[in-house]
Amino acid sequence: MLELRPSCEHCNKSLAPDATDAQICSYECTFCANCVEHVLHNVCPNCGGGFTPRPVRPAQNRRNENYLGKNPASTKRVFKPVDPEVHAAFIKDLVTIPAHLR
């Protein structure tokens, strides 16, 4: 089950469980859409993979107790700002490879 982390790892912007601008990689590294586009260039600084919009967990119990009340979002913030120069060197060759082929 996704943790639904509460903030962008780079800029520390709060990302509520229903945030439509939350982006995740396959390891659940979580960033806001602005940082993914303008800072990370769709390359996760932790794994080199791409990002996808984070799903929204239902707020109400519509079926089988699968909702935020039963399975709340994480409250643990991960704040690891990316060094732009280090990231630029890391993504130099990766940005030319489509995310699904990395």
N, C-alpha and C. Protein backbone atom coordinates (compact mmCIF):
# COMPACT_ATOMS: atom_id res chain seq x y z
N MET A 1 0.84 -1.17 0.00
CA MET A 1 0.00 0.00 0.00
C MET A 1 0.89 1.24 0.00
N LEU A 2 0.54 2.21 -0.81
CA LEU A 2 1.32 3.44 -0.90
C LEU A 2 1.31 4.19 0.43
N GLU A 3 2.46 4.76 0.77
CA GLU A 3 2.58 5.54 2.00
C GLU A 3 1.83 6.87 1.93
N LEU A 4 1.73 7.43 0.74
CA LEU A 4 1.17 8.78 0.56
C LEU A 4 1.94 9.77 1.43
N ARG A 5 3.20 9.94 1.09
CA ARG A 5 4.08 10.83 1.86
C ARG A 5 3.56 12.26 1.81
N PRO A 6 3.75 13.00 2.91
CA PRO A 6 3.08 14.29 3.07
C PRO A 6 3.76 15.51 2.47
N SER A 7 4.90 15.33 1.78
CA SER A 7 5.60 16.52 1.29
C SER A 7 6.54 16.19 0.14
N CYS A 8 6.93 17.25 -0.56
CA CYS A 8 7.91 17.14 -1.64
C CYS A 8 9.29 16.98 -1.01
N GLU A 9 10.03 16.00 -1.46
CA GLU A 9 11.37 15.76 -0.91
C GLU A 9 12.34 16.89 -1.21
N HIS A 10 12.10 17.64 -2.28
CA HIS A 10 13.04 18.71 -2.64
C HIS A 10 12.68 20.05 -1.98
N CYS A 11 11.47 20.54 -2.17
CA CYS A 11 11.12 21.89 -1.68
C CYS A 11 10.32 21.86 -0.39
N ASN A 12 9.94 20.67 0.07
CA ASN A 12 9.21 20.48 1.33
C ASN A 12 7.78 21.00 1.27
N LYS A 13 7.25 21.25 0.06
CA LYS A 13 5.86 21.67 -0.08
C LYS A 13 4.96 20.58 0.48
N SER A 14 3.94 20.96 1.24
CA SER A 14 2.99 19.98 1.75
C SER A 14 2.17 19.41 0.61
N LEU A 15 1.97 18.09 0.66
CA LEU A 15 1.18 17.39 -0.35
C LEU A 15 0.15 16.55 0.38
N ALA A 16 -1.05 17.07 0.47
CA ALA A 16 -2.15 16.37 1.14
C ALA A 16 -2.43 15.05 0.44
N PRO A 17 -3.09 14.12 1.10
CA PRO A 17 -3.40 12.83 0.46
C PRO A 17 -4.18 12.97 -0.86
N ASP A 18 -4.92 14.06 -1.00
CA ASP A 18 -5.69 14.27 -2.23
C ASP A 18 -5.02 15.27 -3.19
N ALA A 19 -3.74 15.57 -2.97
CA ALA A 19 -3.03 16.51 -3.84
C ALA A 19 -2.93 15.97 -5.26
N THR A 20 -3.32 16.79 -6.21
CA THR A 20 -3.26 16.36 -7.61
C THR A 20 -1.92 16.67 -8.25
N ASP A 21 -1.06 17.39 -7.53
CA ASP A 21 0.27 17.69 -8.08
C ASP A 21 1.37 16.85 -7.45
N ALA A 22 1.01 15.81 -6.71
CA ALA A 22 2.01 14.90 -6.14
C ALA A 22 2.45 13.90 -7.20
N GLN A 23 3.75 13.71 -7.32
CA GLN A 23 4.33 12.78 -8.29
C GLN A 23 5.18 11.76 -7.53
N ILE A 24 5.18 10.50 -7.98
CA ILE A 24 5.99 9.47 -7.34
C ILE A 24 6.73 8.66 -8.38
N CYS A 25 7.86 8.08 -7.93
CA CYS A 25 8.58 7.11 -8.76
C CYS A 25 8.16 5.73 -8.27
N SER A 26 8.72 4.69 -8.82
CA SER A 26 8.30 3.33 -8.44
C SER A 26 8.71 2.97 -7.02
N TYR A 27 9.60 3.76 -6.40
CA TYR A 27 9.99 3.53 -5.01
C TYR A 27 9.27 4.46 -4.05
N GLU A 28 8.27 5.18 -4.57
CA GLU A 28 7.46 6.12 -3.80
C GLU A 28 8.18 7.39 -3.40
N CYS A 29 9.34 7.66 -4.00
CA CYS A 29 9.95 8.96 -3.78
C CYS A 29 8.90 9.98 -4.22
N THR A 30 8.67 10.99 -3.43
CA THR A 30 7.55 11.90 -3.67
C THR A 30 8.04 13.33 -3.85
N PHE A 31 7.58 13.93 -4.93
CA PHE A 31 7.94 15.31 -5.25
C PHE A 31 6.71 16.01 -5.81
N CYS A 32 6.69 17.33 -5.73
CA CYS A 32 5.59 18.09 -6.34
C CYS A 32 5.85 18.16 -7.84
N ALA A 33 4.78 18.38 -8.60
CA ALA A 33 4.90 18.42 -10.06
C ALA A 33 5.85 19.51 -10.53
N ASN A 34 5.88 20.64 -9.83
CA ASN A 34 6.77 21.73 -10.22
C ASN A 34 8.23 21.30 -10.13
N CYS A 35 8.61 20.64 -9.04
CA CYS A 35 10.00 20.19 -8.89
C CYS A 35 10.33 19.09 -9.90
N VAL A 36 9.39 18.19 -10.15
CA VAL A 36 9.62 17.11 -11.13
C VAL A 36 9.92 17.71 -12.50
N GLU A 37 9.16 18.73 -12.88
CA GLU A 37 9.33 19.33 -14.20
C GLU A 37 10.53 20.27 -14.29
N HIS A 38 10.67 21.17 -13.33
CA HIS A 38 11.66 22.24 -13.46
C HIS A 38 13.00 21.98 -12.79
N VAL A 39 13.05 21.08 -11.83
CA VAL A 39 14.30 20.81 -11.12
C VAL A 39 14.85 19.43 -11.49
N LEU A 40 13.98 18.43 -11.47
CA LEU A 40 14.41 17.05 -11.67
C LEU A 40 14.36 16.59 -13.13
N HIS A 41 13.60 17.28 -13.95
CA HIS A 41 13.46 16.94 -15.37
C HIS A 41 13.01 15.49 -15.56
N ASN A 42 12.05 15.08 -14.71
CA ASN A 42 11.45 13.75 -14.73
C ASN A 42 12.46 12.62 -14.51
N VAL A 43 13.51 12.90 -13.75
CA VAL A 43 14.48 11.87 -13.37
C VAL A 43 14.58 11.87 -11.85
N CYS A 44 14.20 10.76 -11.23
CA CYS A 44 14.28 10.66 -9.77
C CYS A 44 15.73 10.73 -9.33
N PRO A 45 16.06 11.61 -8.39
CA PRO A 45 17.45 11.72 -7.94
C PRO A 45 17.91 10.53 -7.11
N ASN A 46 16.96 9.71 -6.68
CA ASN A 46 17.29 8.56 -5.84
C ASN A 46 17.47 7.26 -6.62
N CYS A 47 16.74 7.11 -7.74
CA CYS A 47 16.83 5.85 -8.48
C CYS A 47 17.06 6.02 -9.98
N GLY A 48 16.84 7.22 -10.50
CA GLY A 48 17.02 7.45 -11.94
C GLY A 48 15.78 7.15 -12.76
N GLY A 49 14.73 6.68 -12.13
CA GLY A 49 13.48 6.40 -12.84
C GLY A 49 12.69 7.66 -13.10
N GLY A 50 11.55 7.47 -13.74
CA GLY A 50 10.66 8.58 -14.04
C GLY A 50 9.56 8.69 -12.99
N PHE A 51 8.68 9.65 -13.19
CA PHE A 51 7.60 9.91 -12.26
C PHE A 51 6.24 9.74 -12.91
N THR A 52 5.26 9.52 -12.06
CA THR A 52 3.87 9.40 -12.48
C THR A 52 3.01 10.09 -11.42
N PRO A 53 1.82 10.56 -11.78
CA PRO A 53 0.96 11.17 -10.75
C PRO A 53 0.64 10.16 -9.65
N ARG A 54 0.69 10.63 -8.41
CA ARG A 54 0.37 9.76 -7.28
C ARG A 54 -1.15 9.57 -7.20
N PRO A 55 -1.61 8.33 -7.06
CA PRO A 55 -3.06 8.12 -6.93
C PRO A 55 -3.60 8.74 -5.65
N VAL A 56 -4.89 9.02 -5.66
CA VAL A 56 -5.57 9.58 -4.49
C VAL A 56 -6.34 8.45 -3.81
N ARG A 57 -6.09 8.27 -2.52
CA ARG A 57 -6.81 7.26 -1.74
C ARG A 57 -8.18 7.84 -1.36
N PRO A 58 -9.24 7.06 -1.50
CA PRO A 58 -10.57 7.57 -1.16
C PRO A 58 -10.64 8.07 0.28
N ALA A 59 -11.33 9.18 0.48
CA ALA A 59 -11.49 9.76 1.81
C ALA A 59 -12.61 9.07 2.59
N GLN A 60 -13.55 8.47 1.87
CA GLN A 60 -14.69 7.82 2.52
C GLN A 60 -14.67 6.32 2.26
N ASN A 61 -15.23 5.58 3.19
CA ASN A 61 -15.33 4.13 3.05
C ASN A 61 -16.44 3.81 2.05
N ARG A 62 -16.05 3.50 0.87
CA ARG A 62 -17.03 3.13 -0.16
C ARG A 62 -17.12 1.62 -0.32
N ARG A 63 -16.04 0.93 0.10
CA ARG A 63 -16.04 -0.52 -0.05
C ARG A 63 -14.90 -1.15 0.76
N ASN A 64 -15.20 -2.14 1.53
CA ASN A 64 -14.21 -2.99 2.21
C ASN A 64 -13.19 -2.27 3.09
N GLU A 65 -13.58 -1.15 3.68
CA GLU A 65 -12.68 -0.41 4.58
C GLU A 65 -11.41 0.09 3.89
N ASN A 66 -11.45 0.28 2.58
CA ASN A 66 -10.31 0.77 1.82
C ASN A 66 -10.43 2.28 1.64
N TYR A 67 -9.97 3.01 2.68
CA TYR A 67 -10.07 4.47 2.65
C TYR A 67 -9.10 5.07 3.66
N LEU A 68 -8.94 6.38 3.61
CA LEU A 68 -7.97 7.07 4.46
C LEU A 68 -8.22 6.85 5.95
N GLY A 69 -9.46 6.74 6.35
CA GLY A 69 -9.76 6.55 7.76
C GLY A 69 -9.20 5.24 8.30
N LYS A 70 -9.19 4.22 7.50
CA LYS A 70 -8.67 2.91 7.90
C LYS A 70 -7.17 2.80 7.60
N ASN A 71 -6.74 3.41 6.51
CA ASN A 71 -5.35 3.37 6.06
C ASN A 71 -4.86 4.79 5.82
N PRO A 72 -4.50 5.50 6.90
CA PRO A 72 -4.12 6.91 6.75
C PRO A 72 -2.80 7.11 6.02
N ALA A 73 -2.67 8.31 5.49
CA ALA A 73 -1.42 8.69 4.82
C ALA A 73 -0.30 8.81 5.85
N SER A 74 0.91 8.70 5.37
CA SER A 74 2.08 8.85 6.23
C SER A 74 2.18 10.29 6.73
N THR A 75 2.73 10.46 7.90
CA THR A 75 2.99 11.80 8.43
C THR A 75 4.49 12.09 8.48
N LYS A 76 5.30 11.12 8.07
CA LYS A 76 6.76 11.27 8.10
C LYS A 76 7.23 12.03 6.85
N ARG A 77 7.78 13.20 7.08
CA ARG A 77 8.29 14.01 5.97
C ARG A 77 9.71 13.58 5.62
N VAL A 78 9.98 13.50 4.33
CA VAL A 78 11.33 13.21 3.83
C VAL A 78 11.78 14.48 3.12
N PHE A 79 12.81 15.12 3.65
CA PHE A 79 13.29 16.38 3.07
C PHE A 79 14.76 16.23 2.75
N LYS A 80 15.03 16.02 1.45
CA LYS A 80 16.40 15.85 0.96
C LYS A 80 16.56 16.71 -0.28
N PRO A 81 16.74 18.02 -0.11
CA PRO A 81 16.86 18.90 -1.27
C PRO A 81 17.94 18.41 -2.24
N VAL A 82 17.65 18.53 -3.50
CA VAL A 82 18.56 18.09 -4.55
C VAL A 82 19.54 19.21 -4.89
N ASP A 83 20.81 18.86 -4.98
CA ASP A 83 21.83 19.82 -5.42
C ASP A 83 21.72 19.89 -6.94
N PRO A 84 21.35 21.04 -7.49
CA PRO A 84 21.14 21.15 -8.94
C PRO A 84 22.35 20.73 -9.78
N GLU A 85 23.56 21.07 -9.35
CA GLU A 85 24.75 20.71 -10.12
C GLU A 85 24.99 19.20 -10.11
N VAL A 86 24.83 18.59 -8.96
CA VAL A 86 25.00 17.14 -8.85
C VAL A 86 23.94 16.43 -9.67
N HIS A 87 22.70 16.93 -9.60
CA HIS A 87 21.61 16.29 -10.36
C HIS A 87 21.82 16.46 -11.87
N ALA A 88 22.29 17.61 -12.29
CA ALA A 88 22.55 17.85 -13.72
C ALA A 88 23.57 16.85 -14.25
N ALA A 89 24.59 16.58 -13.48
CA ALA A 89 25.60 15.60 -13.89
C ALA A 89 25.01 14.20 -13.93
N PHE A 90 24.18 13.88 -12.95
CA PHE A 90 23.54 12.56 -12.87
C PHE A 90 22.61 12.30 -14.05
N ILE A 91 21.84 13.31 -14.44
CA ILE A 91 20.83 13.11 -15.48
C ILE A 91 21.35 13.36 -16.90
N LYS A 92 22.59 13.77 -17.02
CA LYS A 92 23.15 14.13 -18.33
C LYS A 92 22.77 13.14 -19.43
N ASP A 93 22.98 11.87 -19.21
CA ASP A 93 22.66 10.86 -20.22
C ASP A 93 21.24 10.29 -20.05
N LEU A 94 20.71 10.38 -18.84
CA LEU A 94 19.40 9.78 -18.57
C LEU A 94 18.24 10.51 -19.22
N VAL A 95 18.33 11.83 -19.35
CA VAL A 95 17.19 12.58 -19.88
C VAL A 95 16.89 12.24 -21.34
N THR A 96 17.84 11.67 -22.03
CA THR A 96 17.60 11.30 -23.43
C THR A 96 16.94 9.92 -23.56
N ILE A 97 16.86 9.20 -22.46
CA ILE A 97 16.25 7.86 -22.45
C ILE A 97 14.82 7.99 -21.91
N PRO A 98 13.82 7.53 -22.64
CA PRO A 98 12.45 7.58 -22.12
C PRO A 98 12.37 6.89 -20.75
N ALA A 99 11.56 7.46 -19.87
CA ALA A 99 11.47 6.96 -18.48
C ALA A 99 11.16 5.47 -18.42
N HIS A 100 10.33 4.97 -19.33
CA HIS A 100 9.95 3.55 -19.26
C HIS A 100 11.08 2.62 -19.72
N LEU A 101 12.16 3.19 -20.26
CA LEU A 101 13.30 2.37 -20.70
C LEU A 101 14.54 2.51 -19.80
N ARG A 102 14.43 3.33 -18.76
CA ARG A 102 15.59 3.55 -17.88
C ARG A 102 15.82 2.40 -16.97
